[in-house]
């Protein structure tokens, strides 16, 4: 039996080292062969969101770096283990970068799983799943979000058995060893996949004064040609109509530039309202967006926090059901709380791929509900208040029935693959012992 440990720890992370040592020992005692991959030491680019791993080179990421070898190793393993500091209730960016690339190991075609839309299997079997996270101190809400994210990943990565363990930096080695052993026990003997409820998010929008400056952070690698930009820009047009000064920053363009990163931090410090617009990547935020939030939180740590600053989020996914976005919004709410923002709520859109970066006003009747939702949100956000439930419900309302969305989507994947001569290879299994183009 082979266990593959994907280690998302930071450099000099003493707690992470203790967790890894305890888990490796416990696995080896049980007879497991353990392979430990320190992700920060690997070359793994960010997922480009181009879906080439589905329609151009099916089953293989278009970027030739270490992500391909890790994806292949995952297919051959019996147990996939995530090791990560719990980051706003989710995974650290180093781990999430590889998680985002795991979509190459599933099929683009849709299926019904537990009453909702998910992707189909690419391979006949997938490894079991164990996630071990660590925190500096107990945080019940962040831990609940983390466990819920693990549960959602369990569904999307087809793990028959899954478990989750959380430890704390202040625990003794013996306590960490006990927590790890309990996680392995749950994996071996517990229920297949326990549902974990998300904590109730508490909107804490500032009602002290009107918003004068608003900052839009676009978290899609497609920048201006993204659905995230379309949603954010329409909202900010409504804010500008209320004499609010606005600015937009594309996160994928700033992370590797110290000068641009400095400008981003200054822009956040000077904004009354910060809005993050992003696409859902594997039940959470894209890795570069998490990295940006990590830097923002570090920048704000220990500083005098301005209570008038509000934070909100717009998230869209490629599934017809908007509730797939719930975990990501909970991560955003946790970030806001931990980074000293007032959380003003978020909006979640299903089937966002259909907008494809086009201006909402030019898409006619099919975006009426989306525009109405954003208009309602803009009116209250301008006053420093929370996004109303009516706006959330409008945004979440499906444009077409889920069955029809899945049918159209299946035809769409075939049509897109045909442009690259890959239509007949859409179901291939490149990392199987015997690669096949057949299901």
Protein backbone atom coordinates (compact mmCIF):
# COMPACT_ATOMS: atom_id res chain seq x y z
CA UNK A 1 0.00 0.00 0.00
CA UNK A 2 1.35 3.39 -0.99
CA UNK A 3 0.61 6.71 0.70
CA UNK A 4 1.48 9.97 -1.07
CA UNK A 5 1.96 12.94 1.28
CA UNK A 6 1.46 16.34 -0.36
CA UNK A 7 3.12 18.72 2.08
CA UNK A 8 1.95 22.34 1.85
CA UNK A 9 3.90 23.58 4.86
CA UNK A 10 5.88 26.81 4.89
CA UNK A 11 9.63 26.99 5.36
CA UNK A 12 10.69 26.48 8.99
CA UNK A 13 7.20 25.35 9.96
CA UNK A 14 7.96 23.49 13.20
CA UNK A 15 4.39 22.31 13.72
CA UNK A 16 4.23 20.99 10.17
CA UNK A 17 7.44 19.05 10.71
CA UNK A 18 6.05 17.49 13.88
CA UNK A 19 2.85 16.49 12.08
CA UNK A 20 4.75 14.96 9.16
CA UNK A 21 7.02 12.98 11.48
CA UNK A 22 4.08 11.67 13.50
CA UNK A 23 2.06 10.72 10.44
CA UNK A 24 4.96 9.06 8.60
CA UNK A 25 5.75 6.96 11.66
CA UNK A 26 2.11 5.96 12.14
CA UNK A 27 1.72 4.96 8.49
CA UNK A 28 4.94 2.97 8.37
CA UNK A 29 3.95 1.16 11.54
CA UNK A 30 0.79 0.09 9.72
CA UNK A 31 2.82 -1.20 6.78
CA UNK A 32 2.41 1.71 4.38
CA UNK A 33 5.05 2.75 1.87
CA UNK A 34 5.26 6.55 2.26
CA UNK A 35 6.33 9.09 -0.35
CA UNK A 36 6.69 12.63 0.97
CA UNK A 37 6.53 15.54 -1.48
CA UNK A 38 7.40 19.00 -0.17
CA UNK A 39 5.43 21.14 -2.59
CA UNK A 40 7.31 24.39 -1.97
CA UNK A 41 10.42 22.65 -3.31
CA UNK A 42 8.73 21.67 -6.57
CA UNK A 43 8.14 23.66 -9.74
CA UNK A 44 4.37 23.95 -10.01
CA UNK A 45 2.83 26.78 -11.95
CA UNK A 46 -0.63 28.15 -11.27
CA UNK A 47 -3.57 26.56 -13.05
CA UNK A 48 -4.34 28.76 -16.06
CA UNK A 49 -8.03 27.94 -16.09
CA UNK A 50 -7.88 27.18 -19.82
CA UNK A 51 -9.24 23.62 -19.50
CA UNK A 52 -6.56 22.38 -21.92
CA UNK A 53 -6.09 19.36 -19.64
CA UNK A 54 -9.62 18.40 -20.70
CA UNK A 55 -9.93 19.52 -24.32
CA UNK A 56 -6.42 19.77 -25.82
CA UNK A 57 -4.31 17.14 -24.04
CA UNK A 58 -7.02 15.21 -22.17
CA UNK A 59 -5.82 13.97 -18.81
CA UNK A 60 -2.53 15.89 -18.87
CA UNK A 61 -1.91 19.49 -17.81
CA UNK A 62 -0.84 21.74 -20.65
CA UNK A 63 2.03 23.04 -18.48
CA UNK A 64 4.98 20.63 -18.37
CA UNK A 65 6.25 20.95 -14.80
CA UNK A 66 6.23 18.85 -11.64
CA UNK A 67 2.44 18.86 -11.45
CA UNK A 68 2.27 16.13 -14.11
CA UNK A 69 4.47 13.70 -12.19
CA UNK A 70 2.53 14.34 -8.98
CA UNK A 71 -0.81 13.83 -10.74
CA UNK A 72 0.49 10.52 -12.10
CA UNK A 73 1.73 9.48 -8.66
CA UNK A 74 -1.68 10.24 -7.18
CA UNK A 75 -3.40 7.90 -9.63
CA UNK A 76 -0.98 5.12 -8.61
CA UNK A 77 -1.35 5.69 -4.86
CA UNK A 78 -3.73 4.09 -2.39
CA UNK A 79 -3.88 7.04 -0.02
CA UNK A 80 -3.66 10.75 -0.79
CA UNK A 81 -2.66 12.87 2.20
CA UNK A 82 -2.85 16.65 2.41
CA UNK A 83 -0.63 18.30 5.00
CA UNK A 84 -1.29 22.02 5.46
CA UNK A 85 -1.56 24.89 7.87
CA UNK A 86 -5.26 25.74 8.07
CA UNK A 87 -5.39 28.99 6.10
CA UNK A 88 -8.61 30.99 6.59
CA UNK A 89 -10.34 27.63 6.95
CA UNK A 90 -8.80 26.29 3.74
CA UNK A 91 -5.48 25.05 2.42
CA UNK A 92 -2.26 27.02 2.22
CA UNK A 93 -1.44 28.33 -1.26
CA UNK A 94 1.50 25.91 -1.70
CA UNK A 95 -0.85 22.93 -1.36
CA UNK A 96 -3.73 24.55 -3.24
CA UNK A 97 -1.49 25.12 -6.26
CA UNK A 98 -1.24 21.35 -6.72
CA UNK A 99 -4.86 20.72 -5.76
CA UNK A 100 -5.93 22.99 -8.62
CA UNK A 101 -4.00 20.79 -11.06
CA UNK A 102 -5.82 17.66 -9.97
CA UNK A 103 -8.68 18.39 -12.35
CA UNK A 104 -6.61 16.64 -15.03
CA UNK A 105 -7.40 13.40 -13.19
CA UNK A 106 -11.17 13.77 -13.57
CA UNK A 107 -13.36 14.00 -16.66
CA UNK A 108 -14.94 17.21 -17.96
CA UNK A 109 -18.26 15.42 -18.45
CA UNK A 110 -20.95 15.87 -15.83
CA UNK A 111 -22.70 13.37 -13.60
CA UNK A 112 -25.14 13.45 -10.69
CA UNK A 113 -23.47 12.71 -7.35
CA UNK A 114 -25.47 12.90 -4.13
CA UNK A 115 -28.17 14.87 -5.90
CA UNK A 116 -25.94 17.57 -7.39
CA UNK A 117 -23.77 18.09 -10.46
CA UNK A 118 -20.14 16.94 -10.38
CA UNK A 119 -17.64 15.69 -12.91
CA UNK A 120 -17.34 12.08 -13.97
CA UNK A 121 -14.45 9.77 -13.14
CA UNK A 122 -11.51 9.55 -15.50
CA UNK A 123 -9.99 6.52 -13.79
CA UNK A 124 -11.75 3.43 -12.40
CA UNK A 125 -10.26 3.88 -8.93
CA UNK A 126 -9.01 6.76 -6.83
CA UNK A 127 -7.01 6.85 -3.59
CA UNK A 128 -8.53 7.26 -0.16
CA UNK A 129 -8.10 10.72 1.29
CA UNK A 130 -6.71 12.01 4.58
CA UNK A 131 -6.23 15.71 5.36
CA UNK A 132 -4.27 16.88 8.38
CA UNK A 133 -4.30 20.59 9.17
CA UNK A 134 -2.66 22.55 11.95
CA UNK A 135 -3.49 25.82 13.62
CA UNK A 136 -1.65 28.16 15.99
CA UNK A 137 -4.63 28.09 18.34
CA UNK A 138 -8.16 26.67 18.31
CA UNK A 139 -10.59 28.50 16.03
CA UNK A 140 -13.90 26.65 15.86
CA UNK A 141 -15.24 28.42 12.77
CA UNK A 142 -12.04 28.01 10.76
CA UNK A 143 -11.82 24.35 11.72
CA UNK A 144 -15.42 23.70 10.64
CA UNK A 145 -14.75 25.34 7.27
CA UNK A 146 -11.62 23.21 6.86
CA UNK A 147 -13.49 20.00 7.60
CA UNK A 148 -16.25 20.99 5.20
CA UNK A 149 -13.72 21.67 2.44
CA UNK A 150 -12.19 18.24 2.98
CA UNK A 151 -15.65 16.70 2.70
CA UNK A 152 -16.36 18.52 -0.58
CA UNK A 153 -12.98 17.45 -1.99
CA UNK A 154 -13.79 13.89 -0.99
CA UNK A 155 -16.80 13.96 -3.29
CA UNK A 156 -14.99 15.59 -6.21
CA UNK A 157 -11.96 13.28 -5.99
CA UNK A 158 -14.07 10.12 -5.63
CA UNK A 159 -12.44 8.92 -2.41
CA UNK A 160 -14.30 5.92 -1.01
CA UNK A 161 -12.89 6.58 2.45
CA UNK A 162 -11.83 9.91 3.89
CA UNK A 163 -10.90 11.46 7.20
CA UNK A 164 -9.72 14.77 8.59
CA UNK A 165 -7.59 15.69 11.60
CA UNK A 166 -6.72 19.09 13.06
CA UNK A 167 -3.90 19.73 15.55
CA UNK A 168 -2.61 22.81 17.34
CA UNK A 169 0.86 24.26 17.68
CA UNK A 170 0.69 24.22 21.48
CA UNK A 171 0.00 20.51 21.70
CA UNK A 172 2.67 18.09 22.86
CA UNK A 173 4.24 15.54 20.53
CA UNK A 174 2.17 12.86 22.23
CA UNK A 175 -1.07 14.79 21.61
CA UNK A 176 -0.20 15.31 17.95
CA UNK A 177 0.63 11.62 17.58
CA UNK A 178 -2.71 10.73 19.15
CA UNK A 179 -4.60 13.07 16.78
CA UNK A 180 -2.85 11.57 13.77
CA UNK A 181 -3.58 8.03 14.93
CA UNK A 182 -7.22 8.97 15.43
CA UNK A 183 -7.34 10.34 11.88
CA UNK A 184 -5.98 7.06 10.52
CA UNK A 185 -8.44 5.12 12.66
CA UNK A 186 -11.32 7.19 11.28
CA UNK A 187 -10.02 6.54 7.78
CA UNK A 188 -9.88 2.79 8.31
CA UNK A 189 -13.02 2.29 10.40
CA UNK A 190 -15.14 5.41 10.21
CA UNK A 191 -18.02 6.28 7.86
CA UNK A 192 -17.15 6.77 4.16
CA UNK A 193 -17.54 10.55 4.16
CA UNK A 194 -19.17 12.52 6.95
CA UNK A 195 -21.01 15.69 6.07
CA UNK A 196 -19.75 18.68 8.05
CA UNK A 197 -21.96 21.75 8.28
CA UNK A 198 -20.47 25.14 7.53
CA UNK A 199 -20.59 27.63 10.39
CA UNK A 200 -23.21 30.33 10.13
CA UNK A 201 -21.47 33.34 8.64
CA UNK A 202 -22.02 36.57 10.51
CA UNK A 203 -22.12 39.64 8.30
CA UNK A 204 -20.58 42.54 10.18
CA UNK A 205 -20.72 45.30 7.58
CA UNK A 206 -19.85 48.79 8.77
CA UNK A 207 -22.81 51.10 9.24
CA UNK A 208 -20.81 54.06 10.50
CA UNK A 209 -20.34 55.96 7.25
CA UNK A 210 -20.78 55.82 3.52
CA UNK A 211 -18.19 54.22 1.28
CA UNK A 212 -15.98 56.71 -0.55
CA UNK A 213 -13.32 54.44 -2.07
CA UNK A 214 -13.83 50.88 -3.31
CA UNK A 215 -11.26 48.40 -4.59
CA UNK A 216 -12.05 45.46 -6.87
CA UNK A 217 -9.65 42.50 -6.77
CA UNK A 218 -10.10 40.19 -9.74
CA UNK A 219 -8.87 36.67 -8.99
CA UNK A 220 -9.23 35.03 -12.40
CA UNK A 221 -6.20 34.24 -14.57
CA UNK A 222 -8.27 35.48 -17.53
CA UNK A 223 -8.22 38.97 -15.99
CA UNK A 224 -10.39 41.31 -18.11
CA UNK A 225 -11.80 38.45 -20.19
CA UNK A 226 -13.23 36.63 -17.19
CA UNK A 227 -16.67 36.20 -15.69
CA UNK A 228 -15.16 37.45 -12.44
CA UNK A 229 -14.31 40.76 -14.12
CA UNK A 230 -17.76 40.99 -15.71
CA UNK A 231 -19.49 40.59 -12.34
CA UNK A 232 -17.13 42.92 -10.50
CA UNK A 233 -17.17 45.59 -13.16
CA UNK A 234 -20.96 45.75 -13.26
CA UNK A 235 -21.09 46.09 -9.48
CA UNK A 236 -18.46 48.81 -9.55
CA UNK A 237 -20.22 50.68 -12.33
CA UNK A 238 -23.18 50.94 -9.96
CA UNK A 239 -20.87 52.16 -7.18
CA UNK A 240 -19.34 54.79 -9.46
CA UNK A 241 -22.86 55.98 -10.26
CA UNK A 242 -23.12 56.81 -6.54
CA UNK A 243 -19.97 58.99 -6.70
CA UNK A 244 -17.70 56.34 -5.20
CA UNK A 245 -14.08 56.33 -6.34
CA UNK A 246 -13.10 52.88 -7.62
CA UNK A 247 -10.00 50.99 -8.67
CA UNK A 248 -9.38 47.48 -10.05
CA UNK A 249 -6.37 45.20 -9.55
CA UNK A 250 -5.84 41.82 -11.26
CA UNK A 251 -4.22 39.59 -8.67
CA UNK A 252 -2.48 37.28 -11.14
CA UNK A 253 -0.44 40.22 -12.45
CA UNK A 254 0.94 41.50 -9.14
CA UNK A 255 2.20 38.56 -7.10
CA UNK A 256 5.65 38.34 -8.68
CA UNK A 257 6.31 42.07 -8.69
CA UNK A 258 7.39 43.69 -5.39
CA UNK A 259 6.39 47.11 -6.71
CA UNK A 260 2.92 45.98 -7.79
CA UNK A 261 2.44 44.07 -4.56
CA UNK A 262 3.31 47.20 -2.58
CA UNK A 263 0.74 49.14 -4.61
CA UNK A 264 -1.85 46.46 -3.90
CA UNK A 265 -1.28 46.66 -0.15
CA UNK A 266 -1.49 50.44 -0.24
CA UNK A 267 -4.70 50.29 -2.28
CA UNK A 268 -6.27 47.91 0.22
CA UNK A 269 -5.22 50.15 3.12
CA UNK A 270 -6.88 53.12 1.46
CA UNK A 271 -10.18 51.45 0.53
CA UNK A 272 -13.41 51.59 2.51
CA UNK A 273 -14.74 48.57 0.61
CA UNK A 274 -12.69 45.69 -0.85
CA UNK A 275 -14.48 43.28 -3.19
CA UNK A 276 -12.87 40.02 -4.32
CA UNK A 277 -14.25 38.47 -7.54
CA UNK A 278 -12.98 35.01 -8.46
CA UNK A 279 -13.85 31.66 -10.07
CA UNK A 280 -14.29 28.54 -7.97
CA UNK A 281 -11.28 26.22 -8.20
CA UNK A 282 -11.81 22.77 -6.65
CA UNK A 283 -14.30 23.92 -4.00
CA UNK A 284 -12.16 26.89 -2.95
CA UNK A 285 -10.25 29.93 -4.19
CA UNK A 286 -7.54 29.68 -6.88
CA UNK A 287 -4.06 29.26 -5.40
CA UNK A 288 -2.80 32.73 -6.47
CA UNK A 289 -5.81 34.33 -4.77
CA UNK A 290 -5.05 32.46 -1.56
CA UNK A 291 -1.43 33.60 -1.81
CA UNK A 292 -2.57 37.20 -2.19
CA UNK A 293 -4.84 36.87 0.86
CA UNK A 294 -1.96 35.31 2.83
CA UNK A 295 0.15 38.36 2.06
CA UNK A 296 -2.68 40.75 2.88
CA UNK A 297 -3.28 39.06 6.22
CA UNK A 298 0.43 39.17 7.05
CA UNK A 299 0.56 42.85 6.08
CA UNK A 300 -2.38 43.66 8.36
CA UNK A 301 -1.19 41.54 11.27
CA UNK A 302 -0.22 43.69 14.23
CA UNK A 303 -1.21 46.90 12.44
CA UNK A 304 -3.83 49.38 13.55
CA UNK A 305 -6.94 48.05 11.84
CA UNK A 306 -9.55 50.37 10.43
CA UNK A 307 -13.03 49.17 11.49
CA UNK A 308 -14.68 51.05 8.65
CA UNK A 309 -13.20 48.74 6.02
CA UNK A 310 -15.62 46.16 4.61
CA UNK A 311 -14.81 43.03 2.62
CA UNK A 312 -17.12 41.14 0.28
CA UNK A 313 -16.80 38.49 -2.43
CA UNK A 314 -18.30 37.49 -5.78
CA UNK A 315 -17.69 33.87 -6.75
CA UNK A 316 -18.82 31.90 -9.79
CA UNK A 317 -18.52 28.22 -10.65
CA UNK A 318 -18.94 25.98 -13.69
CA UNK A 319 -21.65 23.87 -12.06
CA UNK A 320 -25.30 24.89 -12.42
CA UNK A 321 -25.89 24.82 -8.66
CA UNK A 322 -24.63 27.96 -6.95
CA UNK A 323 -24.30 26.23 -3.57
CA UNK A 324 -21.01 24.68 -4.74
CA UNK A 325 -19.56 28.10 -3.90
CA UNK A 326 -20.56 28.01 -0.23
CA UNK A 327 -17.23 26.71 1.07
CA UNK A 328 -15.28 29.36 -0.82
CA UNK A 329 -17.47 32.13 0.57
CA UNK A 330 -16.94 30.75 4.07
CA UNK A 331 -13.18 30.93 3.49
CA UNK A 332 -13.56 34.55 2.40
CA UNK A 333 -15.58 35.32 5.53
CA UNK A 334 -12.90 33.69 7.69
CA UNK A 335 -10.20 35.70 5.96
CA UNK A 336 -12.14 38.90 6.57
CA UNK A 337 -12.48 38.14 10.27
CA UNK A 338 -8.85 37.12 10.74
CA UNK A 339 -7.50 40.04 8.71
CA UNK A 340 -9.57 42.66 10.52
CA UNK A 341 -12.20 43.47 7.89
CA UNK A 342 -15.93 43.75 8.44
CA UNK A 343 -17.50 40.92 6.43
CA UNK A 344 -20.38 42.30 4.36
CA UNK A 345 -21.40 39.01 2.71
CA UNK A 346 -20.99 37.56 -0.75
CA UNK A 347 -22.78 36.55 -3.93
CA UNK A 348 -22.52 33.11 -5.53
CA UNK A 349 -23.30 32.34 -9.18
CA UNK A 350 -23.69 28.92 -10.78
CA UNK A 351 -23.04 28.34 -14.49
CA UNK A 352 -20.72 31.33 -14.66
CA UNK A 353 -18.75 30.03 -17.62
CA UNK A 354 -21.56 31.16 -19.94
CA UNK A 355 -20.73 34.83 -19.36
CA UNK A 356 -17.13 34.35 -20.53
CA UNK A 357 -15.99 37.88 -19.76
CA UNK A 358 -18.65 39.67 -21.74
CA UNK A 359 -20.24 42.86 -20.35
CA UNK A 360 -23.42 41.88 -18.54
CA UNK A 361 -25.51 44.64 -20.06
CA UNK A 362 -24.80 43.30 -23.55
CA UNK A 363 -26.04 39.78 -22.78
CA UNK A 364 -29.72 40.68 -22.71
CA UNK A 365 -32.42 38.92 -20.79
CA UNK A 366 -30.35 36.01 -19.52
CA UNK A 367 -28.43 38.30 -17.15
CA UNK A 368 -31.40 40.30 -15.83
CA UNK A 369 -31.40 38.52 -12.46
CA UNK A 370 -27.62 38.83 -12.16
CA UNK A 371 -27.71 42.55 -12.88
CA UNK A 372 -30.61 43.07 -10.48
CA UNK A 373 -28.68 41.21 -7.78
CA UNK A 374 -25.59 43.37 -8.28
CA UNK A 375 -27.68 46.55 -8.33
CA UNK A 376 -29.28 45.63 -4.99
CA UNK A 377 -25.86 44.82 -3.57
CA UNK A 378 -24.34 48.09 -4.78
CA UNK A 379 -27.09 50.16 -3.17
CA UNK A 380 -26.48 48.76 0.32
CA UNK A 381 -22.70 48.35 0.06
CA UNK A 382 -22.40 52.03 -0.74
CA UNK A 383 -23.92 52.71 2.68
CA UNK A 384 -21.50 50.36 4.44
CA UNK A 385 -24.20 47.72 4.95
CA UNK A 386 -24.44 43.99 4.23
CA UNK A 387 -25.44 42.36 0.95
CA UNK A 388 -29.16 41.53 1.41
CA UNK A 389 -30.56 38.02 1.20
CA UNK A 390 -32.71 39.07 -1.76
CA UNK A 391 -29.59 39.82 -3.80
CA UNK A 392 -28.02 36.49 -2.81
CA UNK A 393 -31.12 34.57 -3.84
CA UNK A 394 -31.35 36.35 -7.19
CA UNK A 395 -27.72 35.60 -7.99
CA UNK A 396 -28.05 31.94 -6.99
CA UNK A 397 -31.17 31.30 -9.05
CA UNK A 398 -30.30 28.94 -11.96
CA UNK A 399 -30.74 30.29 -15.47
CA UNK A 400 -31.73 26.87 -16.87
CA UNK A 401 -32.55 23.48 -15.31
CA UNK A 402 -29.52 21.55 -14.13
CA UNK A 403 -30.26 18.59 -16.45
CA UNK A 404 -30.26 20.87 -19.47
CA UNK A 405 -27.03 22.54 -18.33
CA UNK A 406 -25.34 19.15 -18.07
CA UNK A 407 -26.57 18.16 -21.54
CA UNK A 408 -25.36 21.39 -23.13
CA UNK A 409 -22.07 21.09 -21.27
CA UNK A 410 -21.38 17.60 -22.63
CA UNK A 411 -21.87 18.80 -26.20
CA UNK A 412 -19.71 21.83 -25.45
CA UNK A 413 -16.72 19.79 -24.28
CA UNK A 414 -16.85 17.69 -27.45
CA UNK A 415 -17.11 20.77 -29.64
CA UNK A 416 -14.14 22.48 -27.95
CA UNK A 417 -12.02 19.32 -28.09
CA UNK A 418 -12.77 18.94 -31.79
CA UNK A 419 -10.87 22.16 -32.48
CA UNK A 420 -7.71 20.46 -31.18
CA UNK A 421 -8.36 17.09 -32.76
CA UNK A 422 -8.89 15.59 -29.31
CA UNK A 423 -12.59 14.70 -29.36
CA UNK A 424 -11.94 10.95 -29.43
CA UNK A 425 -9.39 11.22 -26.62
CA UNK A 426 -11.57 13.05 -24.10
CA UNK A 427 -11.87 9.97 -21.89
CA UNK A 428 -8.30 8.74 -22.14
CA UNK A 429 -6.38 7.64 -19.06
CA UNK A 430 -2.78 8.68 -19.62
CA UNK A 431 -1.61 7.77 -16.13
CA UNK A 432 -3.07 4.27 -16.06
CA UNK A 433 -0.74 1.29 -16.13
CA UNK A 434 -2.22 0.67 -19.57
CA UNK A 435 -3.17 4.02 -21.05
CA UNK A 436 -6.45 3.95 -22.91
CA UNK A 437 -8.61 6.27 -24.96
CA UNK A 438 -11.70 4.36 -23.96
CA UNK A 439 -13.84 4.85 -20.86
